[in-house]
Amino acid sequence: IDVACWDILGQAAGMPVYKLLGGAAQADVRLYRAISQEAPEEMARKIAGYRAEGYTKFQLKVGGNADDDIERIHACAGLMQPGDILVADANTGWTMHEAARVVQAVRDIDVYIEQPCPTYRECLVTRRRTALPFVLDEVIGDVDTLMQGIADGAMDVINLKISKVGG
């Protein structure tokens, strides 16, 4: 209903909703392709195909067996070109021990680590073990946790889901 109301207001005002909300922050947005968890070679093959379509941001779905995930990240990182962005999204699938093993094993790769563990505390402990850029998602469910995450330096990026935060 919220989105429908904004749309009605935009139509009545004769302007797009993004202008009602303050305007565009940038001219364009680079989209990313999510790559489902498969064998490392298959995930790498998909990156090559998506790059041919013009994509330069890739989100690997990991969070299964940590050793397999390390192989997945290495296989896909080998295909990255300057300016590409690679994100390894565990979707809360690793224990702290597994997350620690993964971030250690990929420490020399330019990869973002997204939501490695189920809880904020576990993610924070993992974050403190790595210099890799860190994304939080599922554990940021309210403003208080967001503010705590900023104060703790728990993430470099937050992945906000509009449906989760009231939009």
N, C-alpha and C. Protein backbone atom coordinates (compact mmCIF):
# COMPACT_ATOMS: atom_id res chain seq x y z
N ILE A 1 0.84 -1.19 0.00
CA ILE A 1 0.00 0.00 0.00
C ILE A 1 0.88 1.25 0.00
N ASP A 2 1.98 1.21 0.75
CA ASP A 2 2.88 2.36 0.83
C ASP A 2 3.35 2.78 -0.56
N VAL A 3 3.81 1.82 -1.35
CA VAL A 3 4.33 2.12 -2.69
C VAL A 3 3.21 2.66 -3.58
N ALA A 4 2.03 2.08 -3.46
CA ALA A 4 0.89 2.56 -4.26
C ALA A 4 0.56 4.01 -3.92
N CYS A 5 0.62 4.36 -2.66
CA CYS A 5 0.34 5.75 -2.25
C CYS A 5 1.37 6.71 -2.83
N TRP A 6 2.65 6.31 -2.81
CA TRP A 6 3.68 7.16 -3.42
C TRP A 6 3.42 7.32 -4.91
N ASP A 7 3.01 6.25 -5.57
CA ASP A 7 2.73 6.31 -7.00
C ASP A 7 1.57 7.26 -7.29
N ILE A 8 0.53 7.19 -6.49
CA ILE A 8 -0.62 8.09 -6.67
C ILE A 8 -0.19 9.53 -6.47
N LEU A 9 0.61 9.79 -5.44
CA LEU A 9 1.09 11.15 -5.19
C LEU A 9 1.93 11.65 -6.37
N GLY A 10 2.80 10.79 -6.89
CA GLY A 10 3.62 11.16 -8.04
C GLY A 10 2.78 11.48 -9.26
N GLN A 11 1.75 10.68 -9.50
CA GLN A 11 0.86 10.94 -10.63
C GLN A 11 0.12 12.26 -10.45
N ALA A 12 -0.36 12.51 -9.24
CA ALA A 12 -1.09 13.76 -8.97
C ALA A 12 -0.18 14.98 -9.11
N ALA A 13 1.08 14.83 -8.71
CA ALA A 13 2.03 15.94 -8.78
C ALA A 13 2.68 16.06 -10.16
N GLY A 14 2.49 15.04 -10.99
CA GLY A 14 3.08 15.06 -12.32
C GLY A 14 4.59 14.88 -12.30
N MET A 15 5.08 14.15 -11.33
CA MET A 15 6.53 13.90 -11.27
C MET A 15 6.82 12.49 -10.78
N PRO A 16 7.97 11.96 -11.16
CA PRO A 16 8.32 10.61 -10.72
C PRO A 16 8.57 10.55 -9.21
N VAL A 17 8.33 9.40 -8.64
CA VAL A 17 8.47 9.22 -7.19
C VAL A 17 9.89 9.52 -6.73
N TYR A 18 10.89 9.16 -7.52
CA TYR A 18 12.26 9.42 -7.07
C TYR A 18 12.50 10.91 -6.84
N LYS A 19 11.84 11.77 -7.61
CA LYS A 19 11.98 13.22 -7.37
C LYS A 19 11.25 13.64 -6.10
N LEU A 20 10.11 13.02 -5.83
CA LEU A 20 9.39 13.31 -4.58
C LEU A 20 10.24 12.94 -3.36
N LEU A 21 11.07 11.93 -3.53
CA LEU A 21 11.90 11.45 -2.43
C LEU A 21 13.26 12.13 -2.35
N GLY A 22 13.46 13.16 -3.15
CA GLY A 22 14.71 13.92 -3.05
C GLY A 22 15.60 13.89 -4.27
N GLY A 23 15.21 13.17 -5.29
CA GLY A 23 16.00 13.15 -6.52
C GLY A 23 16.96 11.98 -6.58
N ALA A 24 17.58 11.86 -7.72
CA ALA A 24 18.52 10.76 -7.95
C ALA A 24 19.85 11.05 -7.28
N ALA A 25 20.43 10.05 -6.66
CA ALA A 25 21.74 10.21 -6.02
C ALA A 25 22.87 10.04 -7.03
N GLN A 26 22.59 9.36 -8.13
CA GLN A 26 23.58 9.15 -9.17
C GLN A 26 22.86 8.94 -10.49
N ALA A 27 23.60 9.08 -11.59
CA ALA A 27 22.98 9.01 -12.91
C ALA A 27 22.53 7.59 -13.26
N ASP A 28 23.28 6.61 -12.83
CA ASP A 28 22.89 5.24 -13.14
C ASP A 28 23.31 4.31 -12.01
N VAL A 29 22.81 3.11 -12.06
CA VAL A 29 23.11 2.10 -11.05
C VAL A 29 23.62 0.87 -11.77
N ARG A 30 24.79 0.41 -11.35
CA ARG A 30 25.33 -0.82 -11.93
C ARG A 30 24.63 -2.01 -11.28
N LEU A 31 24.00 -2.82 -12.09
CA LEU A 31 23.32 -4.00 -11.58
C LEU A 31 24.32 -5.14 -11.38
N TYR A 32 23.95 -6.07 -10.50
CA TYR A 32 24.81 -7.23 -10.31
C TYR A 32 24.04 -8.49 -10.67
N ARG A 33 24.77 -9.54 -10.93
CA ARG A 33 24.18 -10.84 -11.19
C ARG A 33 24.49 -11.76 -10.02
N ALA A 34 23.47 -12.37 -9.50
CA ALA A 34 23.64 -13.38 -8.46
C ALA A 34 23.89 -14.72 -9.14
N ILE A 35 24.83 -15.46 -8.61
CA ILE A 35 25.22 -16.74 -9.19
C ILE A 35 24.98 -17.81 -8.14
N SER A 36 24.05 -18.71 -8.45
CA SER A 36 23.66 -19.75 -7.50
C SER A 36 24.82 -20.68 -7.19
N GLN A 37 24.73 -21.30 -6.03
CA GLN A 37 25.77 -22.20 -5.54
C GLN A 37 25.82 -23.47 -6.40
N GLU A 38 26.95 -23.63 -7.07
CA GLU A 38 27.19 -24.79 -7.92
C GLU A 38 28.66 -25.15 -7.82
N ALA A 39 29.10 -26.06 -8.65
CA ALA A 39 30.52 -26.39 -8.71
C ALA A 39 31.31 -25.14 -9.08
N PRO A 40 32.52 -24.98 -8.54
CA PRO A 40 33.31 -23.77 -8.81
C PRO A 40 33.46 -23.45 -10.30
N GLU A 41 33.72 -24.48 -11.12
CA GLU A 41 33.92 -24.25 -12.55
C GLU A 41 32.65 -23.73 -13.22
N GLU A 42 31.50 -24.23 -12.79
CA GLU A 42 30.22 -23.79 -13.36
C GLU A 42 29.93 -22.34 -12.97
N MET A 43 30.22 -21.98 -11.74
CA MET A 43 30.01 -20.59 -11.30
C MET A 43 30.93 -19.66 -12.10
N ALA A 44 32.18 -20.08 -12.31
CA ALA A 44 33.11 -19.26 -13.09
C ALA A 44 32.63 -19.13 -14.54
N ARG A 45 32.11 -20.21 -15.10
CA ARG A 45 31.58 -20.17 -16.47
C ARG A 45 30.44 -19.16 -16.58
N LYS A 46 29.59 -19.12 -15.55
CA LYS A 46 28.47 -18.18 -15.57
C LYS A 46 28.96 -16.73 -15.51
N ILE A 47 30.01 -16.48 -14.73
CA ILE A 47 30.56 -15.13 -14.68
C ILE A 47 31.01 -14.70 -16.07
N ALA A 48 31.69 -15.57 -16.78
CA ALA A 48 32.15 -15.23 -18.14
C ALA A 48 30.96 -14.90 -19.03
N GLY A 49 29.89 -15.65 -18.92
CA GLY A 49 28.69 -15.38 -19.72
C GLY A 49 28.02 -14.07 -19.35
N TYR A 50 27.91 -13.81 -18.06
CA TYR A 50 27.28 -12.56 -17.62
C TYR A 50 28.13 -11.34 -17.99
N ARG A 51 29.45 -11.49 -17.95
CA ARG A 51 30.31 -10.39 -18.36
C ARG A 51 30.05 -10.06 -19.83
N ALA A 52 29.87 -11.08 -20.66
CA ALA A 52 29.58 -10.86 -22.08
C ALA A 52 28.28 -10.09 -22.27
N GLU A 53 27.38 -10.17 -21.28
CA GLU A 53 26.13 -9.41 -21.32
C GLU A 53 26.30 -7.99 -20.76
N GLY A 54 27.48 -7.67 -20.25
CA GLY A 54 27.75 -6.32 -19.76
C GLY A 54 27.82 -6.16 -18.25
N TYR A 55 27.64 -7.23 -17.52
CA TYR A 55 27.71 -7.15 -16.05
C TYR A 55 29.15 -7.07 -15.57
N THR A 56 29.35 -6.31 -14.48
CA THR A 56 30.68 -6.19 -13.88
C THR A 56 30.63 -6.41 -12.36
N LYS A 57 29.45 -6.68 -11.84
CA LYS A 57 29.27 -6.96 -10.40
C LYS A 57 28.66 -8.35 -10.28
N PHE A 58 29.27 -9.16 -9.43
CA PHE A 58 28.86 -10.55 -9.32
C PHE A 58 28.73 -10.95 -7.86
N GLN A 59 27.58 -11.54 -7.52
CA GLN A 59 27.34 -12.01 -6.16
C GLN A 59 27.30 -13.53 -6.18
N LEU A 60 28.28 -14.13 -5.53
CA LEU A 60 28.34 -15.58 -5.45
C LEU A 60 27.52 -16.05 -4.26
N LYS A 61 26.63 -16.97 -4.48
CA LYS A 61 25.90 -17.57 -3.37
C LYS A 61 26.76 -18.71 -2.82
N VAL A 62 27.25 -18.48 -1.62
CA VAL A 62 28.07 -19.47 -0.93
C VAL A 62 27.34 -19.82 0.37
N GLY A 63 28.06 -20.26 1.38
CA GLY A 63 27.40 -20.56 2.65
C GLY A 63 27.09 -22.02 2.84
N GLY A 64 27.71 -22.85 2.03
CA GLY A 64 27.58 -24.29 2.22
C GLY A 64 28.83 -24.80 2.91
N ASN A 65 29.43 -25.81 2.34
CA ASN A 65 30.68 -26.35 2.85
C ASN A 65 31.78 -25.31 2.67
N ALA A 66 32.46 -24.97 3.75
CA ALA A 66 33.46 -23.89 3.70
C ALA A 66 34.59 -24.19 2.71
N ASP A 67 35.06 -25.43 2.66
CA ASP A 67 36.13 -25.77 1.72
C ASP A 67 35.67 -25.59 0.27
N ASP A 68 34.46 -26.02 -0.02
CA ASP A 68 33.90 -25.83 -1.36
C ASP A 68 33.73 -24.34 -1.66
N ASP A 69 33.30 -23.58 -0.66
CA ASP A 69 33.12 -22.14 -0.86
C ASP A 69 34.44 -21.44 -1.14
N ILE A 70 35.49 -21.85 -0.48
CA ILE A 70 36.82 -21.28 -0.74
C ILE A 70 37.21 -21.54 -2.20
N GLU A 71 36.96 -22.75 -2.68
CA GLU A 71 37.24 -23.07 -4.09
C GLU A 71 36.39 -22.23 -5.02
N ARG A 72 35.11 -22.04 -4.68
CA ARG A 72 34.22 -21.23 -5.52
C ARG A 72 34.75 -19.80 -5.64
N ILE A 73 35.13 -19.22 -4.51
CA ILE A 73 35.61 -17.83 -4.51
C ILE A 73 36.89 -17.72 -5.33
N HIS A 74 37.82 -18.64 -5.14
CA HIS A 74 39.08 -18.61 -5.90
C HIS A 74 38.81 -18.76 -7.40
N ALA A 75 37.96 -19.69 -7.78
CA ALA A 75 37.67 -19.92 -9.20
C ALA A 75 37.08 -18.68 -9.86
N CYS A 76 36.18 -18.03 -9.17
CA CYS A 76 35.51 -16.85 -9.74
C CYS A 76 36.40 -15.62 -9.69
N ALA A 77 37.19 -15.48 -8.65
CA ALA A 77 38.08 -14.32 -8.52
C ALA A 77 39.10 -14.29 -9.65
N GLY A 78 39.48 -15.46 -10.14
CA GLY A 78 40.44 -15.53 -11.22
C GLY A 78 39.95 -14.90 -12.52
N LEU A 79 38.66 -14.68 -12.63
CA LEU A 79 38.08 -14.08 -13.84
C LEU A 79 37.82 -12.59 -13.72
N MET A 80 38.05 -12.03 -12.53
CA MET A 80 37.75 -10.62 -12.33
C MET A 80 38.70 -9.74 -13.13
N GLN A 81 38.15 -8.63 -13.61
CA GLN A 81 38.91 -7.64 -14.35
C GLN A 81 38.92 -6.34 -13.56
N PRO A 82 39.84 -5.43 -13.85
CA PRO A 82 39.86 -4.15 -13.11
C PRO A 82 38.48 -3.48 -13.14
N GLY A 83 38.03 -3.05 -11.97
CA GLY A 83 36.73 -2.41 -11.86
C GLY A 83 35.59 -3.35 -11.53
N ASP A 84 35.80 -4.64 -11.65
CA ASP A 84 34.76 -5.62 -11.30
C ASP A 84 34.59 -5.67 -9.79
N ILE A 85 33.42 -6.09 -9.37
CA ILE A 85 33.14 -6.28 -7.94
C ILE A 85 32.65 -7.71 -7.74
N LEU A 86 33.26 -8.38 -6.77
CA LEU A 86 32.90 -9.75 -6.43
C LEU A 86 32.45 -9.79 -4.98
N VAL A 87 31.27 -10.37 -4.74
CA VAL A 87 30.71 -10.49 -3.40
C VAL A 87 30.45 -11.97 -3.13
N ALA A 88 30.91 -12.46 -1.99
CA ALA A 88 30.62 -13.83 -1.57
C ALA A 88 29.55 -13.75 -0.48
N ASP A 89 28.32 -14.09 -0.82
CA ASP A 89 27.18 -13.96 0.08
C ASP A 89 26.84 -15.32 0.68
N ALA A 90 27.15 -15.47 1.97
CA ALA A 90 26.90 -16.74 2.65
C ALA A 90 25.47 -16.86 3.19
N ASN A 91 24.71 -15.78 3.16
CA ASN A 91 23.32 -15.83 3.63
C ASN A 91 23.18 -16.55 4.97
N THR A 92 24.05 -16.23 5.92
CA THR A 92 24.05 -16.78 7.29
C THR A 92 24.47 -18.25 7.34
N GLY A 93 25.09 -18.77 6.28
CA GLY A 93 25.33 -20.20 6.18
C GLY A 93 26.57 -20.75 6.85
N TRP A 94 27.44 -19.88 7.38
CA TRP A 94 28.66 -20.38 8.01
C TRP A 94 28.60 -20.21 9.52
N THR A 95 29.22 -21.13 10.23
CA THR A 95 29.48 -20.92 11.65
C THR A 95 30.62 -19.90 11.75
N MET A 96 30.87 -19.38 12.95
CA MET A 96 32.00 -18.46 13.11
C MET A 96 33.32 -19.13 12.73
N HIS A 97 33.47 -20.39 13.10
CA HIS A 97 34.70 -21.12 12.77
C HIS A 97 34.87 -21.23 11.26
N GLU A 98 33.80 -21.59 10.55
CA GLU A 98 33.87 -21.70 9.10
C GLU A 98 34.15 -20.34 8.46
N ALA A 99 33.48 -19.31 8.94
CA ALA A 99 33.69 -17.97 8.40
C ALA A 99 35.13 -17.53 8.59
N ALA A 100 35.70 -17.83 9.76
CA ALA A 100 37.10 -17.48 10.02
C ALA A 100 38.03 -18.19 9.04
N ARG A 101 37.75 -19.46 8.76
CA ARG A 101 38.56 -20.21 7.79
C ARG A 101 38.45 -19.61 6.40
N VAL A 102 37.25 -19.24 6.00
CA VAL A 102 37.05 -18.69 4.66
C VAL A 102 37.76 -17.35 4.51
N VAL A 103 37.54 -16.43 5.46
CA VAL A 103 38.16 -15.10 5.30
C VAL A 103 39.69 -15.20 5.33
N GLN A 104 40.22 -16.15 6.07
CA GLN A 104 41.68 -16.35 6.08
C GLN A 104 42.15 -16.89 4.73
N ALA A 105 41.41 -17.83 4.17
CA ALA A 105 41.81 -18.47 2.91
C ALA A 105 41.68 -17.55 1.70
N VAL A 106 40.83 -16.53 1.78
CA VAL A 106 40.63 -15.62 0.64
C VAL A 106 41.15 -14.22 0.94
N ARG A 107 41.97 -14.09 1.95
CA ARG A 107 42.42 -12.76 2.41
C ARG A 107 43.14 -11.96 1.33
N ASP A 108 43.74 -12.62 0.34
CA ASP A 108 44.47 -11.92 -0.71
C ASP A 108 43.62 -11.68 -1.96
N ILE A 109 42.34 -11.96 -1.87
CA ILE A 109 41.42 -11.76 -3.00
C ILE A 109 40.59 -10.52 -2.74
N ASP A 110 40.31 -9.77 -3.79
CA ASP A 110 39.46 -8.59 -3.69
C ASP A 110 38.00 -9.05 -3.74
N VAL A 111 37.46 -9.39 -2.58
CA VAL A 111 36.10 -9.92 -2.50
C VAL A 111 35.42 -9.35 -1.26
N TYR A 112 34.17 -8.98 -1.42
CA TYR A 112 33.34 -8.58 -0.28
C TYR A 112 32.79 -9.85 0.36
N ILE A 113 32.71 -9.85 1.68
CA ILE A 113 32.10 -10.96 2.42
C ILE A 113 30.75 -10.48 2.92
N GLU A 114 29.68 -11.15 2.50
CA GLU A 114 28.33 -10.73 2.89
C GLU A 114 27.69 -11.75 3.83
N GLN A 115 27.18 -11.23 4.93
CA GLN A 115 26.37 -11.96 5.90
C GLN A 115 26.85 -13.39 6.12
N PRO A 116 28.04 -13.55 6.70
CA PRO A 116 28.59 -14.90 6.84
C PRO A 116 27.88 -15.77 7.88
N CYS A 117 27.40 -15.17 8.96
CA CYS A 117 26.90 -15.94 10.11
C CYS A 117 25.47 -15.52 10.46
N PRO A 118 24.78 -16.34 11.25
CA PRO A 118 23.38 -16.06 11.58
C PRO A 118 23.13 -14.87 12.49
N THR A 119 24.07 -14.53 13.36
CA THR A 119 23.79 -13.46 14.33
C THR A 119 24.71 -12.26 14.12
N TYR A 120 24.25 -11.12 14.60
CA TYR A 120 25.07 -9.90 14.53
C TYR A 120 26.40 -10.12 15.24
N ARG A 121 26.36 -10.69 16.41
CA ARG A 121 27.58 -10.89 17.21
C ARG A 121 28.59 -11.78 16.47
N GLU A 122 28.11 -12.87 15.88
CA GLU A 122 29.00 -13.76 15.13
C GLU A 122 29.61 -13.04 13.92
N CYS A 123 28.79 -12.23 13.25
CA CYS A 123 29.30 -11.46 12.11
C CYS A 123 30.35 -10.45 12.56
N LEU A 124 30.10 -9.81 13.69
CA LEU A 124 31.05 -8.82 14.21
C LEU A 124 32.39 -9.47 14.55
N VAL A 125 32.35 -10.63 15.19
CA VAL A 125 33.59 -11.35 15.52
C VAL A 125 34.34 -11.69 14.23
N THR A 126 33.62 -12.15 13.21
CA THR A 126 34.24 -12.48 11.93
C THR A 126 34.82 -11.23 11.28
N ARG A 127 34.08 -10.15 11.30
CA ARG A 127 34.52 -8.88 10.72
C ARG A 127 35.86 -8.44 11.33
N ARG A 128 35.99 -8.63 12.61
CA ARG A 128 37.22 -8.21 13.30
C ARG A 128 38.42 -9.09 12.97
N ARG A 129 38.19 -10.19 12.26
CA ARG A 129 39.27 -11.09 11.87
C ARG A 129 39.75 -10.85 10.44
N THR A 130 39.18 -9.87 9.75
CA THR A 130 39.53 -9.68 8.35
C THR A 130 39.56 -8.21 7.97
N ALA A 131 40.36 -7.91 6.97
CA ALA A 131 40.38 -6.57 6.39
C ALA A 131 39.54 -6.52 5.12
N LEU A 132 38.96 -7.66 4.73
CA LEU A 132 38.12 -7.67 3.53
C LEU A 132 36.89 -6.80 3.75
N PRO A 133 36.38 -6.17 2.69
CA PRO A 133 35.15 -5.39 2.84
C PRO A 133 34.00 -6.31 3.25
N PHE A 134 33.13 -5.78 4.09
CA PHE A 134 32.11 -6.58 4.75
C PHE A 134 30.73 -5.99 4.51
N VAL A 135 29.78 -6.86 4.19
CA VAL A 135 28.39 -6.46 3.96
C VAL A 135 27.51 -7.17 4.98
N LEU A 136 26.62 -6.42 5.63
CA LEU A 136 25.61 -7.05 6.49
C LEU A 136 24.25 -6.89 5.84
N ASP A 137 23.40 -7.87 6.09
CA ASP A 137 22.09 -7.92 5.45
C ASP A 137 21.06 -8.41 6.45
N GLU A 138 20.92 -9.71 6.58
CA GLU A 138 19.84 -10.29 7.38
C GLU A 138 19.83 -9.84 8.83
N VAL A 139 20.98 -9.53 9.42
CA VAL A 139 21.00 -9.17 10.84
C VAL A 139 20.63 -7.71 11.10
N ILE A 140 20.52 -6.90 10.05
CA ILE A 140 20.13 -5.49 10.22
C ILE A 140 18.63 -5.40 9.97
N GLY A 141 17.87 -5.52 11.04
CA GLY A 141 16.42 -5.53 10.92
C GLY A 141 15.74 -4.30 11.49
N ASP A 142 16.52 -3.41 12.12
CA ASP A 142 15.93 -2.21 12.70
C ASP A 142 17.00 -1.12 12.81
N VAL A 143 16.56 0.08 13.11
CA VAL A 143 17.47 1.23 13.18
C VAL A 143 18.50 1.05 14.29
N ASP A 144 18.09 0.49 15.43
CA ASP A 144 19.03 0.31 16.54
C ASP A 144 20.21 -0.58 16.13
N THR A 145 19.92 -1.68 15.44
CA THR A 145 21.00 -2.57 15.01
C THR A 145 21.87 -1.90 13.96
N LEU A 146 21.25 -1.13 13.07
CA LEU A 146 22.02 -0.38 12.08
C LEU A 146 22.98 0.58 12.76
N MET A 147 22.48 1.34 13.72
CA MET A 147 23.32 2.31 14.43
C MET A 147 24.43 1.61 15.22
N GLN A 148 24.11 0.46 15.82
CA GLN A 148 25.12 -0.31 16.53
C GLN A 148 26.19 -0.80 15.56
N GLY A 149 25.75 -1.26 14.39
CA GLY A 149 26.69 -1.72 13.38
C GLY A 149 27.64 -0.63 12.92
N ILE A 150 27.11 0.58 12.76
CA ILE A 150 27.96 1.71 12.38
C ILE A 150 28.95 2.02 13.50
N ALA A 151 28.47 2.07 14.73
CA ALA A 151 29.34 2.36 15.88
C ALA A 151 30.42 1.30 16.05
N ASP A 152 30.09 0.04 15.79
CA ASP A 152 31.04 -1.06 15.96
C ASP A 152 31.98 -1.22 14.76
N GLY A 153 31.70 -0.52 13.67
CA GLY A 153 32.48 -0.74 12.45
C GLY A 153 32.25 -2.13 11.89
N ALA A 154 31.01 -2.62 12.05
CA ALA A 154 30.68 -4.00 11.70
C ALA A 154 30.56 -4.25 10.21
N MET A 155 30.44 -3.19 9.40
CA MET A 155 30.26 -3.39 7.97
C MET A 155 30.76 -2.17 7.20
N ASP A 156 31.08 -2.42 5.95
CA ASP A 156 31.42 -1.35 5.02
C ASP A 156 30.19 -0.97 4.20
N VAL A 157 29.31 -1.95 4.02
CA VAL A 157 28.12 -1.80 3.19
C VAL A 157 26.97 -2.47 3.91
N ILE A 158 25.78 -1.92 3.73
CA ILE A 158 24.58 -2.59 4.22
C ILE A 158 23.68 -2.88 3.03
N ASN A 159 23.13 -4.06 3.02
CA ASN A 159 22.21 -4.46 1.98
C ASN A 159 20.80 -4.34 2.56
N LEU A 160 20.15 -3.23 2.27
CA LEU A 160 18.81 -3.00 2.80
C LEU A 160 17.76 -3.59 1.88
N LYS A 161 16.84 -4.28 2.45
CA LYS A 161 15.69 -4.80 1.71
C LYS A 161 14.50 -3.91 2.05
N ILE A 162 13.97 -3.25 1.06
CA ILE A 162 12.87 -2.30 1.29
C ILE A 162 11.72 -2.98 2.03
N SER A 163 11.41 -4.20 1.65
CA SER A 163 10.29 -4.90 2.28
C SER A 163 10.54 -5.20 3.75
N LYS A 164 11.82 -5.24 4.15
CA LYS A 164 12.17 -5.55 5.53
C LYS A 164 12.13 -4.32 6.43
N VAL A 165 12.34 -3.15 5.84
CA VAL A 165 12.46 -1.95 6.66
C VAL A 165 11.31 -0.97 6.45
N GLY A 166 10.18 -1.47 6.00
CA GLY A 166 8.97 -0.66 5.98
C GLY A 166 8.68 0.09 4.70
N GLY A 167 9.15 -0.38 3.57
CA GLY A 167 8.88 0.33 2.32
C GLY A 167 8.15 -0.51 1.34
